Each structure stands twice: as C-alpha cells, then as structure tokens.
Amino acid sequence: MLARRTILTGLAAALLAGCQTAVQTASPVAIGAIRVDTGPLAAKGQSATAAAIRPMLESELASLRSAARHSATLHVTVTGLYLTSYAGGQSATLGNDTLESEAVLVGTDGRELARYPVMSIMAPSFSGAWYLPDINQRRIDALVANNAQWIRRALGR
C-alpha cells in the first residue's frame, strides 16, 4: 500500500511540475500622470455621481505617480456604477453593488502598453447600516477604493 501511495505521489508531483509555467514579471512602468474619465458614466445619466467619483479615484490612485522624467500615463475610464436596492438584511434584488472601469497604460510614445478591465463587486451591506442618511455615499466610497486597489494590483503595485 505504501509503495502505491509513493508511486502516485511521485506521478502527481511530476505532472504538476510539467504543468507549471514560468511567469515573467516585467519591472513596473513609471507612471507620471493619471487621467480619470467619468464621461461614459455621466452619459448614462449619472453626471453628479460621475463628477464626485473622478476626484475620489484620482486621489486613490495618486500614490502610483512617479517623478521619473520619461513616464507613462494611466488613463482610467469609469464605465458603470450600479447600486442595488438595499433596505437592511438583504438587497431587494439580491444583487451586489458594482463599479466598472478600464485602466489603460499609455507609453510616452502614445503606444498602449497594457489594458486592464476592472469590475469591483461588493455586497450592499458592506458599507454599514442601511438606515443612515449617507449610506449610498459610503457604498460609492467603498467601491471606488476597491476599484483603485484592483487597478494597483493589475499594475503590480
């Protein structure tokens, strides 16, 4: 029995070793400017929210900026914000809040270096008590912070 277990373990290890691929990680690109576009969100009738999200997301991503002379530009386009109906305990539609964006890293020569679609999904109850007057603002704040975190992660930072 022990011999069979040893053989199977060795075979499994050999298969896993063959399945592993080498991940090449490039050094992070220096980012000199961050541009946030909330136009698509405003075009969907959420212009007041879009105007509020833009400086919030710029502030969350500000730590990515570098003082390097030749640095890329990060363009983030916010394409959707969906807050589900929520009245304590569970959401009326049994859905989640989402914030959709797309981060595009553009080199100094204008060439696209990378593109990262990002969708932040959070439970509406994540931001606290539903009966407080600022609940929707806290839900949006949490989504923006989460979205920025995923963008940082996609960029390797």
N, C-alpha and C. Protein backbone atom coordinates (compact mmCIF):
# COMPACT_ATOMS: atom_id res chain seq x y z
N MET A 1 0.82 -1.19 0.00
CA MET A 1 0.00 0.00 0.00
C MET A 1 0.87 1.25 0.00
N LEU A 2 1.92 1.23 0.79
CA LEU A 2 2.81 2.38 0.86
C LEU A 2 3.52 2.60 -0.47
N ALA A 3 3.89 1.55 -1.15
CA ALA A 3 4.57 1.67 -2.44
C ALA A 3 3.65 2.32 -3.47
N ARG A 4 2.36 1.94 -3.47
CA ARG A 4 1.42 2.51 -4.42
C ARG A 4 1.23 4.01 -4.14
N ARG A 5 1.13 4.36 -2.87
CA ARG A 5 0.96 5.76 -2.48
C ARG A 5 2.20 6.57 -2.89
N THR A 6 3.37 6.00 -2.73
CA THR A 6 4.61 6.68 -3.10
C THR A 6 4.66 6.90 -4.60
N ILE A 7 4.29 5.89 -5.35
CA ILE A 7 4.30 5.99 -6.81
C ILE A 7 3.30 7.05 -7.28
N LEU A 8 2.09 7.04 -6.70
CA LEU A 8 1.06 8.00 -7.10
C LEU A 8 1.46 9.44 -6.73
N THR A 9 2.08 9.58 -5.57
CA THR A 9 2.54 10.90 -5.15
C THR A 9 3.62 11.41 -6.09
N GLY A 10 4.56 10.53 -6.44
CA GLY A 10 5.62 10.91 -7.37
C GLY A 10 5.07 11.26 -8.74
N LEU A 11 4.09 10.51 -9.22
CA LEU A 11 3.46 10.77 -10.51
C LEU A 11 2.73 12.11 -10.50
N ALA A 12 2.01 12.37 -9.42
CA ALA A 12 1.28 13.63 -9.30
C ALA A 12 2.25 14.81 -9.27
N ALA A 13 3.35 14.66 -8.55
CA ALA A 13 4.36 15.73 -8.50
C ALA A 13 4.97 15.97 -9.87
N ALA A 14 5.23 14.91 -10.61
CA ALA A 14 5.80 15.05 -11.94
C ALA A 14 4.83 15.75 -12.88
N LEU A 15 3.54 15.41 -12.78
CA LEU A 15 2.53 16.05 -13.62
C LEU A 15 2.41 17.53 -13.29
N LEU A 16 2.40 17.86 -12.01
CA LEU A 16 2.29 19.26 -11.60
C LEU A 16 3.51 20.05 -12.03
N ALA A 17 4.66 19.45 -11.96
CA ALA A 17 5.88 20.14 -12.38
C ALA A 17 5.83 20.43 -13.88
N GLY A 18 5.25 19.53 -14.64
CA GLY A 18 5.13 19.73 -16.08
C GLY A 18 4.08 20.75 -16.44
N CYS A 19 3.09 20.94 -15.58
CA CYS A 19 2.01 21.88 -15.86
C CYS A 19 2.35 23.31 -15.47
N GLN A 20 3.35 23.48 -14.63
CA GLN A 20 3.68 24.83 -14.19
C GLN A 20 4.33 25.60 -15.32
N THR A 21 3.95 26.87 -15.42
CA THR A 21 4.55 27.73 -16.43
C THR A 21 5.31 28.84 -15.74
N ALA A 22 6.34 29.26 -16.36
CA ALA A 22 7.14 30.35 -15.78
C ALA A 22 6.41 31.66 -16.02
N VAL A 23 6.22 32.42 -14.98
CA VAL A 23 5.57 33.71 -15.08
C VAL A 23 6.66 34.77 -15.13
N GLN A 24 6.66 35.52 -16.20
CA GLN A 24 7.64 36.58 -16.33
C GLN A 24 7.02 37.87 -15.84
N THR A 25 7.65 38.49 -14.88
CA THR A 25 7.14 39.75 -14.37
C THR A 25 8.08 40.85 -14.81
N ALA A 26 7.54 41.75 -15.58
CA ALA A 26 8.33 42.88 -16.03
C ALA A 26 8.41 43.90 -14.91
N SER A 27 9.47 44.69 -14.94
CA SER A 27 9.57 45.72 -13.91
C SER A 27 8.44 46.73 -14.13
N PRO A 28 7.88 47.26 -13.06
CA PRO A 28 6.77 48.19 -13.20
C PRO A 28 7.16 49.43 -14.00
N VAL A 29 6.24 49.89 -14.79
CA VAL A 29 6.46 51.07 -15.61
C VAL A 29 6.20 52.30 -14.74
N ALA A 30 7.04 53.29 -14.87
CA ALA A 30 6.86 54.53 -14.12
C ALA A 30 5.63 55.27 -14.67
N ILE A 31 4.79 55.75 -13.78
CA ILE A 31 3.58 56.46 -14.17
C ILE A 31 3.72 57.92 -13.75
N GLY A 32 3.67 58.81 -14.73
CA GLY A 32 3.84 60.22 -14.45
C GLY A 32 2.54 60.98 -14.30
N ALA A 33 1.49 60.51 -14.96
CA ALA A 33 0.21 61.21 -14.91
C ALA A 33 -0.92 60.19 -14.83
N ILE A 34 -1.98 60.61 -14.18
CA ILE A 34 -3.17 59.77 -14.06
C ILE A 34 -4.36 60.59 -14.54
N ARG A 35 -5.07 60.06 -15.50
CA ARG A 35 -6.25 60.72 -16.06
C ARG A 35 -7.46 59.83 -15.80
N VAL A 36 -8.48 60.40 -15.20
CA VAL A 36 -9.71 59.65 -14.91
C VAL A 36 -10.83 60.28 -15.73
N ASP A 37 -11.49 59.45 -16.52
CA ASP A 37 -12.60 59.90 -17.37
C ASP A 37 -13.89 59.25 -16.87
N THR A 38 -14.82 60.07 -16.43
CA THR A 38 -16.11 59.55 -15.99
C THR A 38 -17.21 59.92 -16.98
N GLY A 39 -16.82 60.34 -18.17
CA GLY A 39 -17.78 60.71 -19.21
C GLY A 39 -18.79 59.62 -19.55
N PRO A 40 -18.35 58.36 -19.73
CA PRO A 40 -19.32 57.31 -20.02
C PRO A 40 -20.37 57.14 -18.91
N LEU A 41 -19.96 57.35 -17.67
CA LEU A 41 -20.89 57.25 -16.56
C LEU A 41 -21.86 58.43 -16.59
N ALA A 42 -21.36 59.63 -16.87
CA ALA A 42 -22.21 60.81 -16.98
C ALA A 42 -23.20 60.67 -18.13
N ALA A 43 -22.76 60.05 -19.22
CA ALA A 43 -23.64 59.85 -20.38
C ALA A 43 -24.80 58.91 -20.07
N LYS A 44 -24.65 58.11 -19.03
CA LYS A 44 -25.72 57.20 -18.64
C LYS A 44 -26.70 57.86 -17.67
N GLY A 45 -26.56 59.18 -17.46
CA GLY A 45 -27.48 59.91 -16.60
C GLY A 45 -27.02 60.03 -15.17
N GLN A 46 -25.76 59.71 -14.89
CA GLN A 46 -25.24 59.78 -13.54
C GLN A 46 -24.15 60.86 -13.45
N SER A 47 -24.48 62.06 -13.97
CA SER A 47 -23.46 63.11 -14.06
C SER A 47 -23.01 63.62 -12.70
N ALA A 48 -23.90 63.75 -11.73
CA ALA A 48 -23.50 64.22 -10.40
C ALA A 48 -22.59 63.20 -9.72
N THR A 49 -22.93 61.94 -9.84
CA THR A 49 -22.12 60.88 -9.25
C THR A 49 -20.77 60.79 -9.98
N ALA A 50 -20.80 60.93 -11.30
CA ALA A 50 -19.56 60.88 -12.08
C ALA A 50 -18.62 62.00 -11.67
N ALA A 51 -19.17 63.19 -11.44
CA ALA A 51 -18.34 64.32 -11.01
C ALA A 51 -17.73 64.08 -9.64
N ALA A 52 -18.42 63.35 -8.78
CA ALA A 52 -17.89 63.05 -7.45
C ALA A 52 -16.86 61.93 -7.49
N ILE A 53 -17.06 60.96 -8.36
CA ILE A 53 -16.17 59.80 -8.43
C ILE A 53 -14.80 60.18 -8.99
N ARG A 54 -14.76 61.10 -9.92
CA ARG A 54 -13.49 61.43 -10.58
C ARG A 54 -12.40 61.86 -9.59
N PRO A 55 -12.63 62.86 -8.73
CA PRO A 55 -11.55 63.24 -7.80
C PRO A 55 -11.27 62.15 -6.76
N MET A 56 -12.28 61.38 -6.42
CA MET A 56 -12.07 60.29 -5.45
C MET A 56 -11.10 59.26 -6.02
N LEU A 57 -11.33 58.85 -7.26
CA LEU A 57 -10.48 57.84 -7.89
C LEU A 57 -9.08 58.40 -8.16
N GLU A 58 -8.99 59.67 -8.56
CA GLU A 58 -7.68 60.29 -8.76
C GLU A 58 -6.89 60.31 -7.45
N SER A 59 -7.56 60.61 -6.37
CA SER A 59 -6.90 60.64 -5.06
C SER A 59 -6.44 59.25 -4.63
N GLU A 60 -7.28 58.23 -4.87
CA GLU A 60 -6.93 56.86 -4.51
C GLU A 60 -5.72 56.35 -5.30
N LEU A 61 -5.58 56.81 -6.54
CA LEU A 61 -4.50 56.33 -7.41
C LEU A 61 -3.26 57.23 -7.38
N ALA A 62 -3.31 58.33 -6.65
CA ALA A 62 -2.21 59.31 -6.64
C ALA A 62 -0.88 58.69 -6.22
N SER A 63 -0.90 57.69 -5.38
CA SER A 63 0.35 57.07 -4.91
C SER A 63 1.10 56.34 -6.03
N LEU A 64 0.46 56.12 -7.16
CA LEU A 64 1.12 55.44 -8.28
C LEU A 64 2.05 56.36 -9.06
N ARG A 65 1.88 57.67 -8.89
CA ARG A 65 2.68 58.63 -9.65
C ARG A 65 4.15 58.56 -9.28
N SER A 66 4.97 58.75 -10.30
CA SER A 66 6.42 58.72 -10.14
C SER A 66 6.98 60.05 -10.64
N ALA A 67 8.13 60.41 -10.14
CA ALA A 67 8.78 61.64 -10.57
C ALA A 67 9.72 61.40 -11.75
N ALA A 68 9.65 60.21 -12.32
CA ALA A 68 10.55 59.88 -13.43
C ALA A 68 10.30 60.80 -14.63
N ARG A 69 11.36 61.11 -15.34
CA ARG A 69 11.27 62.03 -16.47
C ARG A 69 10.45 61.45 -17.62
N HIS A 70 10.76 60.25 -18.04
CA HIS A 70 10.03 59.61 -19.13
C HIS A 70 9.10 58.58 -18.51
N SER A 71 7.86 58.96 -18.34
CA SER A 71 6.94 58.05 -17.67
C SER A 71 5.62 57.96 -18.42
N ALA A 72 4.96 56.86 -18.21
CA ALA A 72 3.71 56.56 -18.89
C ALA A 72 2.55 57.32 -18.25
N THR A 73 1.43 57.29 -18.93
CA THR A 73 0.19 57.89 -18.41
C THR A 73 -0.82 56.78 -18.19
N LEU A 74 -1.48 56.83 -17.05
CA LEU A 74 -2.53 55.88 -16.74
C LEU A 74 -3.87 56.55 -17.01
N HIS A 75 -4.62 56.01 -17.97
CA HIS A 75 -5.96 56.50 -18.29
C HIS A 75 -6.97 55.52 -17.70
N VAL A 76 -7.83 56.01 -16.81
CA VAL A 76 -8.87 55.17 -16.22
C VAL A 76 -10.22 55.72 -16.67
N THR A 77 -11.00 54.88 -17.30
CA THR A 77 -12.34 55.26 -17.74
C THR A 77 -13.36 54.51 -16.91
N VAL A 78 -14.21 55.24 -16.22
CA VAL A 78 -15.27 54.62 -15.41
C VAL A 78 -16.47 54.45 -16.33
N THR A 79 -16.88 53.21 -16.51
CA THR A 79 -17.94 52.91 -17.48
C THR A 79 -19.28 52.55 -16.86
N GLY A 80 -19.31 52.21 -15.59
CA GLY A 80 -20.60 51.85 -14.99
C GLY A 80 -20.57 51.84 -13.48
N LEU A 81 -21.68 52.25 -12.90
CA LEU A 81 -21.89 52.19 -11.45
C LEU A 81 -23.30 51.69 -11.24
N TYR A 82 -23.43 50.62 -10.47
CA TYR A 82 -24.74 50.04 -10.20
C TYR A 82 -24.88 49.80 -8.71
N LEU A 83 -25.83 50.51 -8.08
CA LEU A 83 -26.13 50.29 -6.68
C LEU A 83 -27.48 49.59 -6.61
N THR A 84 -27.48 48.42 -6.04
CA THR A 84 -28.72 47.65 -5.95
C THR A 84 -29.61 48.24 -4.86
N SER A 85 -30.89 47.96 -4.93
CA SER A 85 -31.81 48.40 -3.88
C SER A 85 -31.46 47.66 -2.61
N TYR A 86 -31.42 48.40 -1.50
CA TYR A 86 -30.99 47.78 -0.25
C TYR A 86 -31.75 48.41 0.91
N ALA A 87 -32.37 47.57 1.71
CA ALA A 87 -33.12 48.06 2.87
C ALA A 87 -32.91 47.14 4.05
N GLY A 88 -31.68 46.94 4.43
CA GLY A 88 -31.36 46.14 5.61
C GLY A 88 -31.56 44.66 5.42
N GLY A 89 -30.64 43.90 5.95
CA GLY A 89 -30.76 42.44 5.90
C GLY A 89 -30.39 41.85 4.57
N GLN A 90 -31.04 42.25 3.52
CA GLN A 90 -30.72 41.75 2.19
C GLN A 90 -31.16 42.77 1.16
N SER A 91 -30.59 42.68 0.01
CA SER A 91 -30.97 43.62 -1.04
C SER A 91 -32.28 43.17 -1.66
N ALA A 92 -33.03 44.14 -2.15
CA ALA A 92 -34.35 43.84 -2.72
C ALA A 92 -34.22 43.00 -3.98
N THR A 93 -33.12 43.20 -4.72
CA THR A 93 -32.94 42.46 -5.96
C THR A 93 -31.96 41.30 -5.79
N LEU A 94 -31.48 41.11 -4.57
CA LEU A 94 -30.49 40.07 -4.27
C LEU A 94 -29.24 40.21 -5.13
N GLY A 95 -28.87 41.45 -5.40
CA GLY A 95 -27.68 41.71 -6.21
C GLY A 95 -26.60 42.39 -5.41
N ASN A 96 -25.54 42.76 -6.09
CA ASN A 96 -24.40 43.43 -5.47
C ASN A 96 -24.20 44.80 -6.10
N ASP A 97 -23.47 45.65 -5.43
CA ASP A 97 -23.06 46.93 -5.98
C ASP A 97 -21.85 46.67 -6.87
N THR A 98 -21.76 47.37 -7.98
CA THR A 98 -20.61 47.20 -8.87
C THR A 98 -20.12 48.55 -9.39
N LEU A 99 -18.83 48.62 -9.63
CA LEU A 99 -18.21 49.76 -10.29
C LEU A 99 -17.31 49.18 -11.37
N GLU A 100 -17.56 49.58 -12.60
CA GLU A 100 -16.79 49.08 -13.73
C GLU A 100 -15.88 50.18 -14.27
N SER A 101 -14.65 49.79 -14.57
CA SER A 101 -13.71 50.74 -15.15
C SER A 101 -12.75 50.00 -16.07
N GLU A 102 -11.97 50.79 -16.80
CA GLU A 102 -10.93 50.21 -17.64
C GLU A 102 -9.70 51.09 -17.50
N ALA A 103 -8.60 50.49 -17.10
CA ALA A 103 -7.34 51.20 -16.93
C ALA A 103 -6.45 50.89 -18.13
N VAL A 104 -5.96 51.93 -18.77
CA VAL A 104 -5.08 51.77 -19.93
C VAL A 104 -3.78 52.51 -19.64
N LEU A 105 -2.69 51.79 -19.76
CA LEU A 105 -1.37 52.36 -19.55
C LEU A 105 -0.81 52.76 -20.92
N VAL A 106 -0.51 54.04 -21.09
CA VAL A 106 -0.04 54.56 -22.37
C VAL A 106 1.39 55.06 -22.21
N GLY A 107 2.27 54.58 -23.08
CA GLY A 107 3.67 54.96 -23.02
C GLY A 107 3.92 56.38 -23.48
N THR A 108 5.14 56.85 -23.33
CA THR A 108 5.50 58.21 -23.71
C THR A 108 5.36 58.44 -25.20
N ASP A 109 5.42 57.37 -25.98
CA ASP A 109 5.28 57.48 -27.43
C ASP A 109 3.83 57.38 -27.89
N GLY A 110 2.88 57.30 -26.94
CA GLY A 110 1.46 57.22 -27.28
C GLY A 110 0.98 55.81 -27.54
N ARG A 111 1.85 54.85 -27.40
CA ARG A 111 1.51 53.46 -27.66
C ARG A 111 0.88 52.84 -26.41
N GLU A 112 -0.16 52.06 -26.61
CA GLU A 112 -0.80 51.37 -25.48
C GLU A 112 0.09 50.25 -24.99
N LEU A 113 0.44 50.31 -23.70
CA LEU A 113 1.31 49.30 -23.11
C LEU A 113 0.51 48.16 -22.48
N ALA A 114 -0.62 48.49 -21.89
CA ALA A 114 -1.44 47.47 -21.23
C ALA A 114 -2.85 48.01 -21.05
N ARG A 115 -3.79 47.07 -20.97
CA ARG A 115 -5.20 47.40 -20.76
C ARG A 115 -5.77 46.44 -19.72
N TYR A 116 -6.42 47.01 -18.72
CA TYR A 116 -6.97 46.20 -17.62
C TYR A 116 -8.43 46.55 -17.36
N PRO A 117 -9.36 45.70 -17.78
CA PRO A 117 -10.76 45.93 -17.39
C PRO A 117 -10.93 45.53 -15.92
N VAL A 118 -11.60 46.37 -15.14
CA VAL A 118 -11.75 46.12 -13.72
C VAL A 118 -13.22 46.22 -13.34
N MET A 119 -13.72 45.24 -12.61
CA MET A 119 -15.07 45.30 -12.08
C MET A 119 -15.01 45.03 -10.59
N SER A 120 -15.37 46.03 -9.81
CA SER A 120 -15.43 45.88 -8.36
C SER A 120 -16.84 45.47 -7.99
N ILE A 121 -16.96 44.41 -7.22
CA ILE A 121 -18.26 43.90 -6.80
C ILE A 121 -18.26 43.80 -5.28
N MET A 122 -19.25 44.43 -4.67
CA MET A 122 -19.35 44.41 -3.20
C MET A 122 -20.81 44.24 -2.79
N ALA A 123 -21.00 43.59 -1.67
CA ALA A 123 -22.34 43.47 -1.11
C ALA A 123 -22.80 44.84 -0.63
N PRO A 124 -24.07 45.17 -0.81
CA PRO A 124 -24.55 46.48 -0.37
C PRO A 124 -24.45 46.66 1.15
N SER A 125 -24.41 45.58 1.88
CA SER A 125 -24.33 45.66 3.33
C SER A 125 -22.91 45.93 3.82
N PHE A 126 -21.92 45.91 2.94
CA PHE A 126 -20.53 46.08 3.32
C PHE A 126 -20.27 47.45 3.96
N SER A 127 -20.99 48.45 3.54
CA SER A 127 -20.72 49.83 3.97
C SER A 127 -21.45 50.25 5.23
N GLY A 128 -22.09 49.34 5.90
CA GLY A 128 -22.68 49.68 7.19
C GLY A 128 -24.19 49.71 7.20
N ALA A 129 -24.70 50.41 8.18
CA ALA A 129 -26.14 50.44 8.45
C ALA A 129 -26.91 51.11 7.31
N TRP A 130 -27.91 50.42 6.82
CA TRP A 130 -28.68 50.89 5.67
C TRP A 130 -29.53 52.12 5.99
N TYR A 131 -29.83 52.36 7.24
CA TYR A 131 -30.75 53.44 7.61
C TYR A 131 -30.05 54.78 7.83
N LEU A 132 -28.73 54.82 7.77
CA LEU A 132 -28.02 56.08 7.91
C LEU A 132 -28.16 56.91 6.63
N PRO A 133 -28.25 58.22 6.75
CA PRO A 133 -28.52 59.05 5.57
C PRO A 133 -27.43 59.02 4.49
N ASP A 134 -26.19 58.73 4.87
CA ASP A 134 -25.11 58.75 3.89
C ASP A 134 -24.74 57.36 3.37
N ILE A 135 -25.64 56.41 3.46
CA ILE A 135 -25.31 55.03 3.08
C ILE A 135 -24.87 54.92 1.62
N ASN A 136 -25.55 55.59 0.71
CA ASN A 136 -25.18 55.48 -0.70
C ASN A 136 -23.80 56.06 -0.96
N GLN A 137 -23.47 57.17 -0.29
CA GLN A 137 -22.14 57.75 -0.45
C GLN A 137 -21.07 56.80 0.08
N ARG A 138 -21.34 56.15 1.20
CA ARG A 138 -20.37 55.19 1.75
C ARG A 138 -20.23 53.98 0.84
N ARG A 139 -21.30 53.57 0.19
CA ARG A 139 -21.23 52.45 -0.76
C ARG A 139 -20.36 52.82 -1.96
N ILE A 140 -20.53 54.05 -2.46
CA ILE A 140 -19.72 54.51 -3.59
C ILE A 140 -18.25 54.66 -3.17
N ASP A 141 -18.02 55.22 -1.99
CA ASP A 141 -16.64 55.35 -1.48
C ASP A 141 -15.94 54.00 -1.43
N ALA A 142 -16.65 53.00 -0.92
CA ALA A 142 -16.07 51.66 -0.80
C ALA A 142 -15.78 51.06 -2.18
N LEU A 143 -16.68 51.27 -3.13
CA LEU A 143 -16.46 50.75 -4.49
C LEU A 143 -15.27 51.42 -5.16
N VAL A 144 -15.13 52.74 -4.99
CA VAL A 144 -14.01 53.46 -5.59
C VAL A 144 -12.68 52.98 -5.00
N ALA A 145 -12.64 52.84 -3.68
CA ALA A 145 -11.41 52.36 -3.03
C ALA A 145 -11.06 50.95 -3.50
N ASN A 146 -12.07 50.10 -3.63
CA ASN A 146 -11.85 48.73 -4.08
C ASN A 146 -11.37 48.71 -5.53
N ASN A 147 -11.97 49.54 -6.37
CA ASN A 147 -11.59 49.60 -7.78
C ASN A 147 -10.14 50.06 -7.92
N ALA A 148 -9.75 51.07 -7.15
CA ALA A 148 -8.37 51.56 -7.19
C ALA A 148 -7.40 50.48 -6.73
N GLN A 149 -7.82 49.71 -5.74
CA GLN A 149 -6.97 48.63 -5.24
C GLN A 149 -6.75 47.58 -6.33
N TRP A 150 -7.79 47.25 -7.08
CA TRP A 150 -7.64 46.26 -8.16
C TRP A 150 -6.79 46.81 -9.30
N ILE A 151 -6.89 48.12 -9.57
CA ILE A 151 -6.04 48.72 -10.60
C ILE A 151 -4.57 48.65 -10.17
N ARG A 152 -4.30 48.99 -8.90
CA ARG A 152 -2.93 48.88 -8.38
C ARG A 152 -2.41 47.45 -8.52
N ARG A 153 -3.26 46.51 -8.19
CA ARG A 153 -2.86 45.10 -8.27
C ARG A 153 -2.57 44.69 -9.71
N ALA A 154 -3.39 45.14 -10.64
CA ALA A 154 -3.18 44.82 -12.06
C ALA A 154 -1.85 45.41 -12.56
N LEU A 155 -1.49 46.56 -12.02
CA LEU A 155 -0.24 47.20 -12.41
C LEU A 155 0.97 46.63 -11.68
N GLY A 156 0.72 45.74 -10.75
CA GLY A 156 1.82 45.13 -9.99
C GLY A 156 2.34 46.00 -8.87
N ARG A 157 1.48 46.80 -8.28
CA ARG A 157 1.93 47.71 -7.21
C ARG A 157 1.16 47.52 -5.93
